[in-house]
Amino acid sequence: LPISLLPRIKTPFPVKVPSDVLFKAVVKVARTHHVINSVDQNERRFTFHTEATGFAGIFDCTGLVEAEGADESTRVLHIEMCAGVDLGRTNGVATKFFNYVQEELQQEKTAH
């Protein structure tokens, strides 16, 4: 397979919030900015897909929130091209998603 068609996994650094708080934020972002397919609260897993824009393709994304301790979690996002042409957007999709999650966590923090 061409390198742009291989699945990619983006795993950023741990976040200093409990896994349930992070999971709520990632699901909200997925619902707000993408088309969510499934949510498993117990396993803290979720799936969504992006919509095609212009020549860019559609991406299937599977996410997982892992607890790293009482107040620390890790976001894991697996992004796979499913239709169209990547055009280098895979890393951009993950980066943009994580930026939206950071914004959501900041808004949640200031609301309380």
PDB file of N, CA and C in Angstrom:
ATOM      1  N   LEU A   1       0.831  -1.194   0.000  1.00  0.00           N
ATOM      2  CA  LEU A   1       0.000   0.000   0.000  1.00  0.00           C
ATOM      3  C   LEU A   1       0.875   1.257   0.000  1.00  0.00           C
ATOM      4  N   PRO A   2       0.434   2.303  -0.681  1.00  0.00           N
ATOM      5  CA  PRO A   2       1.158   3.571  -0.585  1.00  0.00           C
ATOM      6  C   PRO A   2       1.140   4.062   0.864  1.00  0.00           C
ATOM      7  N   ILE A   3       2.174   4.756   1.278  1.00  0.00           N
ATOM      8  CA  ILE A   3       2.300   5.199   2.660  1.00  0.00           C
ATOM      9  C   ILE A   3       1.095   6.024   3.106  1.00  0.00           C
ATOM     10  N   SER A   4       0.499   6.812   2.218  1.00  0.00           N
ATOM     11  CA  SER A   4      -0.634   7.656   2.608  1.00  0.00           C
ATOM     12  C   SER A   4      -1.898   6.849   2.884  1.00  0.00           C
ATOM     13  N   LEU A   5      -1.948   5.587   2.462  1.00  0.00           N
ATOM     14  CA  LEU A   5      -3.132   4.771   2.695  1.00  0.00           C
ATOM     15  C   LEU A   5      -3.008   3.881   3.920  1.00  0.00           C
ATOM     16  N   LEU A   6      -1.835   3.858   4.547  1.00  0.00           N
ATOM     17  CA  LEU A   6      -1.659   3.037   5.736  1.00  0.00           C
ATOM     18  C   LEU A   6      -2.311   3.711   6.941  1.00  0.00           C
ATOM     19  N   PRO A   7      -2.874   2.915   7.858  1.00  0.00           N
ATOM     20  CA  PRO A   7      -3.454   3.510   9.071  1.00  0.00           C
ATOM     21  C   PRO A   7      -2.369   4.235   9.863  1.00  0.00           C
ATOM     22  N   ARG A   8      -2.772   5.299  10.532  1.00  0.00           N
ATOM     23  CA  ARG A   8      -1.840   6.052  11.353  1.00  0.00           C
ATOM     24  C   ARG A   8      -2.392   6.153  12.767  1.00  0.00           C
ATOM     25  N   ILE A   9      -1.509   6.133  13.724  1.00  0.00           N
ATOM     26  CA  ILE A   9      -1.914   6.261  15.114  1.00  0.00           C
ATOM     27  C   ILE A   9      -1.231   7.488  15.688  1.00  0.00           C
ATOM     28  N   LYS A  10      -2.004   8.315  16.315  1.00  0.00           N
ATOM     29  CA  LYS A  10      -1.472   9.522  16.931  1.00  0.00           C
ATOM     30  C   LYS A  10      -1.702   9.403  18.430  1.00  0.00           C
ATOM     31  N   THR A  11      -0.640   9.387  19.217  1.00  0.00           N
ATOM     32  CA  THR A  11      -0.749   9.250  20.662  1.00  0.00           C
ATOM     33  C   THR A  11      -0.017  10.412  21.315  1.00  0.00           C
ATOM     34  N   PRO A  12      -0.723  11.423  21.750  1.00  0.00           N
ATOM     35  CA  PRO A  12      -0.046  12.561  22.380  1.00  0.00           C
ATOM     36  C   PRO A  12       0.304  12.275  23.838  1.00  0.00           C
ATOM     37  N   PHE A  13       0.969  13.225  24.432  1.00  0.00           N
ATOM     38  CA  PHE A  13       1.386  13.135  25.829  1.00  0.00           C
ATOM     39  C   PHE A  13       0.178  13.020  26.757  1.00  0.00           C
ATOM     40  N   PRO A  14       0.388  12.513  27.977  1.00  0.00           N
ATOM     41  CA  PRO A  14      -0.714  12.437  28.948  1.00  0.00           C
ATOM     42  C   PRO A  14      -1.282  13.816  29.271  1.00  0.00           C
ATOM     43  N   VAL A  15      -2.541  13.850  29.637  1.00  0.00           N
ATOM     44  CA  VAL A  15      -3.248  15.071  29.993  1.00  0.00           C
ATOM     45  C   VAL A  15      -3.540  15.002  31.484  1.00  0.00           C
ATOM     46  N   LYS A  16      -3.376  16.100  32.175  1.00  0.00           N
ATOM     47  CA  LYS A  16      -3.561  16.129  33.628  1.00  0.00           C
ATOM     48  C   LYS A  16      -5.026  16.292  34.012  1.00  0.00           C
ATOM     49  N   VAL A  17      -5.871  15.401  33.542  1.00  0.00           N
ATOM     50  CA  VAL A  17      -7.283  15.357  33.929  1.00  0.00           C
ATOM     51  C   VAL A  17      -7.687  13.897  34.087  1.00  0.00           C
ATOM     52  N   PRO A  18      -8.678  13.622  34.923  1.00  0.00           N
ATOM     53  CA  PRO A  18      -9.162  12.245  35.060  1.00  0.00           C
ATOM     54  C   PRO A  18      -9.708  11.725  33.727  1.00  0.00           C
ATOM     55  N   SER A  19      -9.631  10.424  33.533  1.00  0.00           N
ATOM     56  CA  SER A  19     -10.040   9.831  32.251  1.00  0.00           C
ATOM     57  C   SER A  19     -11.510  10.070  31.942  1.00  0.00           C
ATOM     58  N   ASP A  20     -12.397  10.122  32.950  1.00  0.00           N
ATOM     59  CA  ASP A  20     -13.813  10.361  32.662  1.00  0.00           C
ATOM     60  C   ASP A  20     -14.046  11.780  32.146  1.00  0.00           C
ATOM     61  N   VAL A  21     -13.302  12.750  32.644  1.00  0.00           N
ATOM     62  CA  VAL A  21     -13.413  14.132  32.176  1.00  0.00           C
ATOM     63  C   VAL A  21     -12.898  14.234  30.742  1.00  0.00           C
ATOM     64  N   LEU A  22     -11.763  13.608  30.476  1.00  0.00           N
ATOM     65  CA  LEU A  22     -11.199  13.622  29.128  1.00  0.00           C
ATOM     66  C   LEU A  22     -12.119  12.920  28.147  1.00  0.00           C
ATOM     67  N   PHE A  23     -12.680  11.783  28.543  1.00  0.00           N
ATOM     68  CA  PHE A  23     -13.571  11.046  27.651  1.00  0.00           C
ATOM     69  C   PHE A  23     -14.783  11.893  27.284  1.00  0.00           C
ATOM     70  N   LYS A  24     -15.362  12.565  28.248  1.00  0.00           N
ATOM     71  CA  LYS A  24     -16.512  13.437  27.979  1.00  0.00           C
ATOM     72  C   LYS A  24     -16.136  14.520  26.961  1.00  0.00           C
ATOM     73  N   ALA A  25     -14.939  15.095  27.112  1.00  0.00           N
ATOM     74  CA  ALA A  25     -14.490  16.143  26.195  1.00  0.00           C
ATOM     75  C   ALA A  25     -14.262  15.616  24.783  1.00  0.00           C
ATOM     76  N   VAL A  26     -13.613  14.445  24.643  1.00  0.00           N
ATOM     77  CA  VAL A  26     -13.332  13.926  23.292  1.00  0.00           C
ATOM     78  C   VAL A  26     -14.619  13.532  22.578  1.00  0.00           C
ATOM     79  N   VAL A  27     -15.571  12.993  23.303  1.00  0.00           N
ATOM     80  CA  VAL A  27     -16.849  12.616  22.674  1.00  0.00           C
ATOM     81  C   VAL A  27     -17.605  13.876  22.246  1.00  0.00           C
ATOM     82  N   LYS A  28     -17.589  14.902  23.073  1.00  0.00           N
ATOM     83  CA  LYS A  28     -18.257  16.153  22.707  1.00  0.00           C
ATOM     84  C   LYS A  28     -17.640  16.757  21.445  1.00  0.00           C
ATOM     85  N   VAL A  29     -16.304  16.746  21.380  1.00  0.00           N
ATOM     86  CA  VAL A  29     -15.616  17.275  20.196  1.00  0.00           C
ATOM     87  C   VAL A  29     -15.958  16.441  18.961  1.00  0.00           C
ATOM     88  N   ALA A  30     -15.941  15.116  19.099  1.00  0.00           N
ATOM     89  CA  ALA A  30     -16.277  14.244  17.962  1.00  0.00           C
ATOM     90  C   ALA A  30     -17.697  14.509  17.480  1.00  0.00           C
ATOM     91  N   ARG A  31     -18.624  14.703  18.401  1.00  0.00           N
ATOM     92  CA  ARG A  31     -20.028  14.982  18.021  1.00  0.00           C
ATOM     93  C   ARG A  31     -20.173  16.349  17.381  1.00  0.00           C
ATOM     94  N   THR A  32     -19.420  17.313  17.861  1.00  0.00           N
ATOM     95  CA  THR A  32     -19.532  18.686  17.371  1.00  0.00           C
ATOM     96  C   THR A  32     -18.902  18.865  15.992  1.00  0.00           C
ATOM     97  N   HIS A  33     -17.755  18.233  15.769  1.00  0.00           N
ATOM     98  CA  HIS A  33     -16.979  18.512  14.554  1.00  0.00           C
ATOM     99  C   HIS A  33     -16.993  17.398  13.514  1.00  0.00           C
ATOM    100  N   HIS A  34     -17.522  16.241  13.861  1.00  0.00           N
ATOM    101  CA  HIS A  34     -17.486  15.103  12.946  1.00  0.00           C
ATOM    102  C   HIS A  34     -18.798  14.327  13.021  1.00  0.00           C
ATOM    103  N   VAL A  35     -18.842  13.174  12.385  1.00  0.00           N
ATOM    104  CA  VAL A  35     -20.015  12.302  12.424  1.00  0.00           C
ATOM    105  C   VAL A  35     -19.657  11.109  13.305  1.00  0.00           C
ATOM    106  N   ILE A  36     -20.242  11.060  14.495  1.00  0.00           N
ATOM    107  CA  ILE A  36     -19.893  10.008  15.449  1.00  0.00           C
ATOM    108  C   ILE A  36     -20.628   8.721  15.090  1.00  0.00           C
ATOM    109  N   ASN A  37     -19.916   7.611  15.182  1.00  0.00           N
ATOM    110  CA  ASN A  37     -20.494   6.303  14.855  1.00  0.00           C
ATOM    111  C   ASN A  37     -20.881   5.530  16.101  1.00  0.00           C
ATOM    112  N   SER A  38     -20.009   5.522  17.103  1.00  0.00           N
ATOM    113  CA  SER A  38     -20.297   4.757  18.315  1.00  0.00           C
ATOM    114  C   SER A  38     -19.541   5.330  19.501  1.00  0.00           C
ATOM    115  N   VAL A  39     -20.104   5.066  20.689  1.00  0.00           N
ATOM    116  CA  VAL A  39     -19.482   5.476  21.943  1.00  0.00           C
ATOM    117  C   VAL A  39     -19.643   4.324  22.925  1.00  0.00           C
ATOM    118  N   ASP A  40     -18.551   3.909  23.540  1.00  0.00           N
ATOM    119  CA  ASP A  40     -18.580   2.873  24.568  1.00  0.00           C
ATOM    120  C   ASP A  40     -18.032   3.488  25.850  1.00  0.00           C
ATOM    121  N   GLN A  41     -18.938   3.916  26.712  1.00  0.00           N
ATOM    122  CA  GLN A  41     -18.572   4.600  27.954  1.00  0.00           C
ATOM    123  C   GLN A  41     -17.713   3.710  28.854  1.00  0.00           C
ATOM    124  N   ASN A  42     -18.060   2.430  28.959  1.00  0.00           N
ATOM    125  CA  ASN A  42     -17.321   1.524  29.849  1.00  0.00           C
ATOM    126  C   ASN A  42     -15.874   1.334  29.421  1.00  0.00           C
ATOM    127  N   GLU A  43     -15.661   1.165  28.129  1.00  0.00           N
ATOM    128  CA  GLU A  43     -14.297   0.953  27.609  1.00  0.00           C
ATOM    129  C   GLU A  43     -13.599   2.261  27.256  1.00  0.00           C
ATOM    130  N   ARG A  44     -14.342   3.355  27.340  1.00  0.00           N
ATOM    131  CA  ARG A  44     -13.851   4.688  26.971  1.00  0.00           C
ATOM    132  C   ARG A  44     -13.306   4.709  25.543  1.00  0.00           C
ATOM    133  N   ARG A  45     -14.090   4.114  24.645  1.00  0.00           N
ATOM    134  CA  ARG A  45     -13.754   4.083  23.218  1.00  0.00           C
ATOM    135  C   ARG A  45     -14.838   4.826  22.438  1.00  0.00           C
ATOM    136  N   PHE A  46     -14.446   5.367  21.297  1.00  0.00           N
ATOM    137  CA  PHE A  46     -15.411   6.049  20.430  1.00  0.00           C
ATOM    138  C   PHE A  46     -14.916   5.955  18.990  1.00  0.00           C
ATOM    139  N   THR A  47     -15.846   6.026  18.058  1.00  0.00           N
ATOM    140  CA  THR A  47     -15.484   6.031  16.645  1.00  0.00           C
ATOM    141  C   THR A  47     -16.248   7.157  15.953  1.00  0.00           C
ATOM    142  N   PHE A  48     -15.600   7.757  14.974  1.00  0.00           N
ATOM    143  CA  PHE A  48     -16.254   8.788  14.168  1.00  0.00           C
ATOM    144  C   PHE A  48     -15.598   8.821  12.803  1.00  0.00           C
ATOM    145  N   HIS A  49     -16.246   9.497  11.868  1.00  0.00           N
ATOM    146  CA  HIS A  49     -15.606   9.708  10.583  1.00  0.00           C
ATOM    147  C   HIS A  49     -15.734  11.171  10.195  1.00  0.00           C
ATOM    148  N   THR A  50     -14.760  11.609   9.430  1.00  0.00           N
ATOM    149  CA  THR A  50     -14.781  12.973   8.928  1.00  0.00           C
ATOM    150  C   THR A  50     -15.591  12.977   7.638  1.00  0.00           C
ATOM    151  N   GLU A  51     -16.022  14.135   7.250  1.00  0.00           N
ATOM    152  CA  GLU A  51     -16.717  14.275   5.971  1.00  0.00           C
ATOM    153  C   GLU A  51     -15.725  14.751   4.920  1.00  0.00           C
ATOM    154  N   ALA A  52     -15.968  14.394   3.699  1.00  0.00           N
ATOM    155  CA  ALA A  52     -15.076  14.803   2.609  1.00  0.00           C
ATOM    156  C   ALA A  52     -15.199  16.307   2.383  1.00  0.00           C
ATOM    157  N   THR A  53     -14.063  16.944   2.125  1.00  0.00           N
ATOM    158  CA  THR A  53     -14.047  18.368   1.798  1.00  0.00           C
ATOM    159  C   THR A  53     -13.193  18.545   0.559  1.00  0.00           C
ATOM    160  N   GLY A  54     -13.773  19.084  -0.482  1.00  0.00           N
ATOM    161  CA  GLY A  54     -13.035  19.281  -1.717  1.00  0.00           C
ATOM    162  C   GLY A  54     -12.498  17.965  -2.251  1.00  0.00           C
ATOM    163  N   PHE A  55     -11.194  17.932  -2.507  1.00  0.00           N
ATOM    164  CA  PHE A  55     -10.549  16.714  -2.989  1.00  0.00           C
ATOM    165  C   PHE A  55     -10.125  15.795  -1.855  1.00  0.00           C
ATOM    166  N   ALA A  56     -10.181  16.297  -0.629  1.00  0.00           N
ATOM    167  CA  ALA A  56      -9.726  15.503   0.510  1.00  0.00           C
ATOM    168  C   ALA A  56     -10.689  14.354   0.774  1.00  0.00           C
ATOM    169  N   GLY A  57     -10.164  13.315   1.339  1.00  0.00           N
ATOM    170  CA  GLY A  57     -10.942  12.106   1.556  1.00  0.00           C
ATOM    171  C   GLY A  57     -11.700  12.076   2.866  1.00  0.00           C
ATOM    172  N   ILE A  58     -12.268  10.928   3.115  1.00  0.00           N
ATOM    173  CA  ILE A  58     -12.989  10.661   4.348  1.00  0.00           C
ATOM    174  C   ILE A  58     -12.091   9.794   5.219  1.00  0.00           C
ATOM    175  N   PHE A  59     -12.025  10.109   6.494  1.00  0.00           N
ATOM    176  CA  PHE A  59     -11.196   9.364   7.428  1.00  0.00           C
ATOM    177  C   PHE A  59     -12.063   8.688   8.464  1.00  0.00           C
ATOM    178  N   ASP A  60     -11.787   7.422   8.748  1.00  0.00           N
ATOM    179  CA  ASP A  60     -12.402   6.710   9.861  1.00  0.00           C
ATOM    180  C   ASP A  60     -11.459   6.835  11.042  1.00  0.00           C
ATOM    181  N   CYS A  61     -11.999   7.196  12.197  1.00  0.00           N
ATOM    182  CA  CYS A  61     -11.180   7.419  13.380  1.00  0.00           C
ATOM    183  C   CYS A  61     -11.715   6.602  14.540  1.00  0.00           C
ATOM    184  N   THR A  62     -10.822   5.971  15.253  1.00  0.00           N
ATOM    185  CA  THR A  62     -11.160   5.232  16.461  1.00  0.00           C
ATOM    186  C   THR A  62     -10.361   5.844  17.589  1.00  0.00           C
ATOM    187  N   GLY A  63     -11.038   6.207  18.667  1.00  0.00           N
ATOM    188  CA  GLY A  63     -10.356   6.851  19.773  1.00  0.00           C
ATOM    189  C   GLY A  63     -10.488   6.050  21.054  1.00  0.00           C
ATOM    190  N   LEU A  64      -9.565   6.280  21.937  1.00  0.00           N
ATOM    191  CA  LEU A  64      -9.524   5.595  23.219  1.00  0.00           C
ATOM    192  C   LEU A  64      -8.929   6.556  24.237  1.00  0.00           C
ATOM    193  N   VAL A  65      -9.508   6.570  25.429  1.00  0.00           N
ATOM    194  CA  VAL A  65      -8.945   7.334  26.531  1.00  0.00           C
ATOM    195  C   VAL A  65      -8.452   6.322  27.557  1.00  0.00           C
ATOM    196  N   GLU A  66      -7.178   6.401  27.893  1.00  0.00           N
ATOM    197  CA  GLU A  66      -6.581   5.474  28.853  1.00  0.00           C
ATOM    198  C   GLU A  66      -6.227   6.226  30.128  1.00  0.00           C
ATOM    199  N   ALA A  67      -6.612   5.671  31.277  1.00  0.00           N
ATOM    200  CA  ALA A  67      -6.236   6.259  32.563  1.00  0.00           C
ATOM    201  C   ALA A  67      -4.771   5.973  32.824  1.00  0.00           C
ATOM    202  N   GLU A  68      -4.049   7.000  33.259  1.00  0.00           N
ATOM    203  CA  GLU A  68      -2.630   6.855  33.592  1.00  0.00           C
ATOM    204  C   GLU A  68      -2.423   7.003  35.101  1.00  0.00           C
ATOM    205  N   GLY A  69      -3.502   7.152  35.814  1.00  0.00           N
ATOM    206  CA  GLY A  69      -3.480   7.390  37.253  1.00  0.00           C
ATOM    207  C   GLY A  69      -4.774   8.069  37.622  1.00  0.00           C
ATOM    208  N   ALA A  70      -4.883   8.532  38.851  1.00  0.00           N
ATOM    209  CA  ALA A  70      -6.130   9.140  39.316  1.00  0.00           C
ATOM    210  C   ALA A  70      -6.468  10.426  38.563  1.00  0.00           C
ATOM    211  N   ASP A  71      -5.454  11.237  38.257  1.00  0.00           N
ATOM    212  CA  ASP A  71      -5.710  12.533  37.631  1.00  0.00           C
ATOM    213  C   ASP A  71      -4.928  12.740  36.340  1.00  0.00           C
ATOM    214  N   GLU A  72      -4.641  11.662  35.624  1.00  0.00           N
ATOM    215  CA  GLU A  72      -3.886  11.778  34.381  1.00  0.00           C
ATOM    216  C   GLU A  72      -4.407  10.752  33.381  1.00  0.00           C
ATOM    217  N   SER A  73      -4.535  11.174  32.124  1.00  0.00           N
ATOM    218  CA  SER A  73      -5.077  10.305  31.078  1.00  0.00           C
ATOM    219  C   SER A  73      -4.289  10.492  29.796  1.00  0.00           C
ATOM    220  N   THR A  74      -4.411   9.529  28.893  1.00  0.00           N
ATOM    221  CA  THR A  74      -3.785   9.621  27.574  1.00  0.00           C
ATOM    222  C   THR A  74      -4.857   9.449  26.515  1.00  0.00           C
ATOM    223  N   ARG A  75      -4.786  10.285  25.488  1.00  0.00           N
ATOM    224  CA  ARG A  75      -5.690  10.170  24.343  1.00  0.00           C
ATOM    225  C   ARG A  75      -4.975   9.391  23.257  1.00  0.00           C
ATOM    226  N   VAL A  76      -5.655   8.446  22.682  1.00  0.00           N
ATOM    227  CA  VAL A  76      -5.098   7.691  21.569  1.00  0.00           C
ATOM    228  C   VAL A  76      -6.105   7.810  20.427  1.00  0.00           C
ATOM    229  N   LEU A  77      -5.631   8.172  19.258  1.00  0.00           N
ATOM    230  CA  LEU A  77      -6.515   8.323  18.108  1.00  0.00           C
ATOM    231  C   LEU A  77      -5.908   7.582  16.920  1.00  0.00           C
ATOM    232  N   HIS A  78      -6.639   6.625  16.391  1.00  0.00           N
ATOM    233  CA  HIS A  78      -6.222   5.847  15.229  1.00  0.00           C
ATOM    234  C   HIS A  78      -7.004   6.410  14.043  1.00  0.00           C
ATOM    235  N   ILE A  79      -6.297   6.870  13.026  1.00  0.00           N
ATOM    236  CA  ILE A  79      -6.938   7.473  11.861  1.00  0.00           C
ATOM    237  C   ILE A  79      -6.600   6.639  10.639  1.00  0.00           C
ATOM    238  N   GLU A  80      -7.628   6.287   9.896  1.00  0.00           N
ATOM    239  CA  GLU A  80      -7.435   5.473   8.705  1.00  0.00           C
ATOM    240  C   GLU A  80      -8.189   6.095   7.535  1.00  0.00           C
ATOM    241  N   MET A  81      -7.505   6.200   6.419  1.00  0.00           N
ATOM    242  CA  MET A  81      -8.115   6.708   5.198  1.00  0.00           C
ATOM    243  C   MET A  81      -9.117   5.686   4.689  1.00  0.00           C
ATOM    244  N   CYS A  82     -10.344   6.101   4.391  1.00  0.00           N
ATOM    245  CA  CYS A  82     -11.301   5.116   3.889  1.00  0.00           C
ATOM    246  C   CYS A  82     -11.833   5.452   2.499  1.00  0.00           C
ATOM    247  N   ALA A  83     -11.704   6.687   2.067  1.00  0.00           N
ATOM    248  CA  ALA A  83     -12.156   7.039   0.720  1.00  0.00           C
ATOM    249  C   ALA A  83     -11.487   8.341   0.306  1.00  0.00           C
ATOM    250  N   GLY A  84     -11.199   8.464  -0.977  1.00  0.00           N
ATOM    251  CA  GLY A  84     -10.622   9.698  -1.480  1.00  0.00           C
ATOM    252  C   GLY A  84      -9.112   9.694  -1.417  1.00  0.00           C
ATOM    253  N   VAL A  85      -8.547  10.884  -1.379  1.00  0.00           N
ATOM    254  CA  VAL A  85      -7.104  11.073  -1.403  1.00  0.00           C
ATOM    255  C   VAL A  85      -6.684  11.754  -0.108  1.00  0.00           C
ATOM    256  N   ASP A  86      -5.616  11.278   0.502  1.00  0.00           N
ATOM    257  CA  ASP A  86      -5.163  11.805   1.792  1.00  0.00           C
ATOM    258  C   ASP A  86      -4.730  13.269   1.704  1.00  0.00           C
ATOM    259  N   LEU A  87      -3.925  13.624   0.736  1.00  0.00           N
ATOM    260  CA  LEU A  87      -3.390  14.977   0.563  1.00  0.00           C
ATOM    261  C   LEU A  87      -2.675  15.470   1.819  1.00  0.00           C
ATOM    262  N   GLY A  88      -2.121  14.550   2.594  1.00  0.00           N
ATOM    263  CA  GLY A  88      -1.385  14.927   3.795  1.00  0.00           C
ATOM    264  C   GLY A  88      -2.254  15.364   4.958  1.00  0.00           C
ATOM    265  N   ARG A  89      -3.529  15.071   4.907  1.00  0.00           N
ATOM    266  CA  ARG A  89      -4.456  15.556   5.949  1.00  0.00           C
ATOM    267  C   ARG A  89      -4.501  14.680   7.187  1.00  0.00           C
ATOM    268  N   THR A  90      -3.967  13.457   7.165  1.00  0.00           N
ATOM    269  CA  THR A  90      -4.117  12.550   8.300  1.00  0.00           C
ATOM    270  C   THR A  90      -3.589  13.167   9.588  1.00  0.00           C
ATOM    271  N   ASN A  91      -2.364  13.656   9.570  1.00  0.00           N
ATOM    272  CA  ASN A  91      -1.807  14.281  10.770  1.00  0.00           C
ATOM    273  C   ASN A  91      -2.568  15.545  11.139  1.00  0.00           C
ATOM    274  N   GLY A  92      -3.038  16.264  10.138  1.00  0.00           N
ATOM    275  CA  GLY A  92      -3.819  17.476  10.398  1.00  0.00           C
ATOM    276  C   GLY A  92      -5.133  17.176  11.092  1.00  0.00           C
ATOM    277  N   VAL A  93      -5.779  16.072  10.707  1.00  0.00           N
ATOM    278  CA  VAL A  93      -7.032  15.669  11.347  1.00  0.00           C
ATOM    279  C   VAL A  93      -6.788  15.398  12.826  1.00  0.00           C
ATOM    280  N   ALA A  94      -5.740  14.659  13.143  1.00  0.00           N
ATOM    281  CA  ALA A  94      -5.425  14.338  14.540  1.00  0.00           C
ATOM    282  C   ALA A  94      -5.058  15.590  15.316  1.00  0.00           C
ATOM    283  N   THR A  95      -4.202  16.429  14.752  1.00  0.00           N
ATOM    284  CA  THR A  95      -3.779  17.639  15.441  1.00  0.00           C
ATOM    285  C   THR A  95      -4.954  18.556  15.711  1.00  0.00           C
ATOM    286  N   LYS A  96      -5.794  18.752  14.711  1.00  0.00           N
ATOM    287  CA  LYS A  96      -6.959  19.610  14.878  1.00  0.00           C
ATOM    288  C   LYS A  96      -7.906  19.035  15.937  1.00  0.00           C
ATOM    289  N   PHE A  97      -8.106  17.711  15.912  1.00  0.00           N
ATOM    290  CA  PHE A  97      -8.975  17.069  16.894  1.00  0.00           C
ATOM    291  C   PHE A  97      -8.446  17.307  18.310  1.00  0.00           C
ATOM    292  N   PHE A  98      -7.147  17.081  18.524  1.00  0.00           N
ATOM    293  CA  PHE A  98      -6.575  17.264  19.848  1.00  0.00           C
ATOM    294  C   PHE A  98      -6.603  18.731  20.283  1.00  0.00           C
ATOM    295  N   ASN A  99      -6.453  19.648  19.332  1.00  0.00           N
ATOM    296  CA  ASN A  99      -6.562  21.068  19.672  1.00  0.00           C
ATOM    297  C   ASN A  99      -7.977  21.409  20.135  1.00  0.00           C
ATOM    298  N   TYR A 100      -8.975  20.866  19.435  1.00  0.00           N
ATOM    299  CA  TYR A 100     -10.370  21.069  19.855  1.00  0.00           C
ATOM    300  C   TYR A 100     -10.606  20.503  21.253  1.00  0.00           C
ATOM    301  N   VAL A 101     -10.018  19.350  21.541  1.00  0.00           N
ATOM    302  CA  VAL A 101     -10.171  18.744  22.873  1.00  0.00           C
ATOM    303  C   VAL A 101      -9.539  19.644  23.929  1.00  0.00           C
ATOM    304  N   GLN A 102      -8.348  20.178  23.658  1.00  0.00           N
ATOM    305  CA  GLN A 102      -7.707  21.092  24.603  1.00  0.00           C
ATOM    306  C   GLN A 102      -8.590  22.311  24.869  1.00  0.00           C
ATOM    307  N   GLU A 103      -9.184  22.864  23.806  1.00  0.00           N
ATOM    308  CA  GLU A 103     -10.081  24.010  23.956  1.00  0.00           C
ATOM    309  C   GLU A 103     -11.286  23.645  24.811  1.00  0.00           C
ATOM    310  N   GLU A 104     -11.846  22.476  24.573  1.00  0.00           N
ATOM    311  CA  GLU A 104     -12.998  22.008  25.344  1.00  0.00           C
ATOM    312  C   GLU A 104     -12.641  21.846  26.813  1.00  0.00           C
ATOM    313  N   LEU A 105     -11.476  21.287  27.102  1.00  0.00           N
ATOM    314  CA  LEU A 105     -11.034  21.122  28.484  1.00  0.00           C
ATOM    315  C   LEU A 105     -10.833  22.487  29.155  1.00  0.00           C
ATOM    316  N   GLN A 106     -10.294  23.450  28.413  1.00  0.00           N
ATOM    317  CA  GLN A 106     -10.109  24.807  28.955  1.00  0.00           C
ATOM    318  C   GLN A 106     -11.456  25.454  29.267  1.00  0.00           C
ATOM    319  N   GLN A 107     -12.410  25.316  28.348  1.00  0.00           N
ATOM    320  CA  GLN A 107     -13.742  25.890  28.569  1.00  0.00           C
ATOM    321  C   GLN A 107     -14.407  25.228  29.773  1.00  0.00           C
ATOM    322  N   GLU A 108     -14.252  23.934  29.900  1.00  0.00           N
ATOM    323  CA  GLU A 108     -14.832  23.200  31.032  1.00  0.00           C
ATOM    324  C   GLU A 108     -14.193  23.679  32.338  1.00  0.00           C
ATOM    325  N   LYS A 109     -12.900  23.896  32.302  1.00  0.00           N
ATOM    326  CA  LYS A 109     -12.167  24.330  33.502  1.00  0.00           C
ATOM    327  C   LYS A 109     -12.614  25.722  33.950  1.00  0.00           C
ATOM    328  N   THR A 110     -12.787  26.638  32.988  1.00  0.00           N
ATOM    329  CA  THR A 110     -13.199  28.002  33.328  1.00  0.00           C
ATOM    330  C   THR A 110     -14.671  28.088  33.703  1.00  0.00           C
ATOM    331  N   ALA A 111     -15.475  27.109  33.287  1.00  0.00           N
ATOM    332  CA  ALA A 111     -16.904  27.105  33.617  1.00  0.00           C
ATOM    333  C   ALA A 111     -17.137  26.701  35.065  1.00  0.00           C
ATOM    334  N   HIS A 112     -16.172  26.009  35.660  1.00  0.00           N
ATOM    335  CA  HIS A 112     -16.346  25.539  37.043  1.00  0.00           C
ATOM    336  C   HIS A 112     -15.637  26.388  38.036  1.00  0.00           C
TER     337      HIS A 112
END
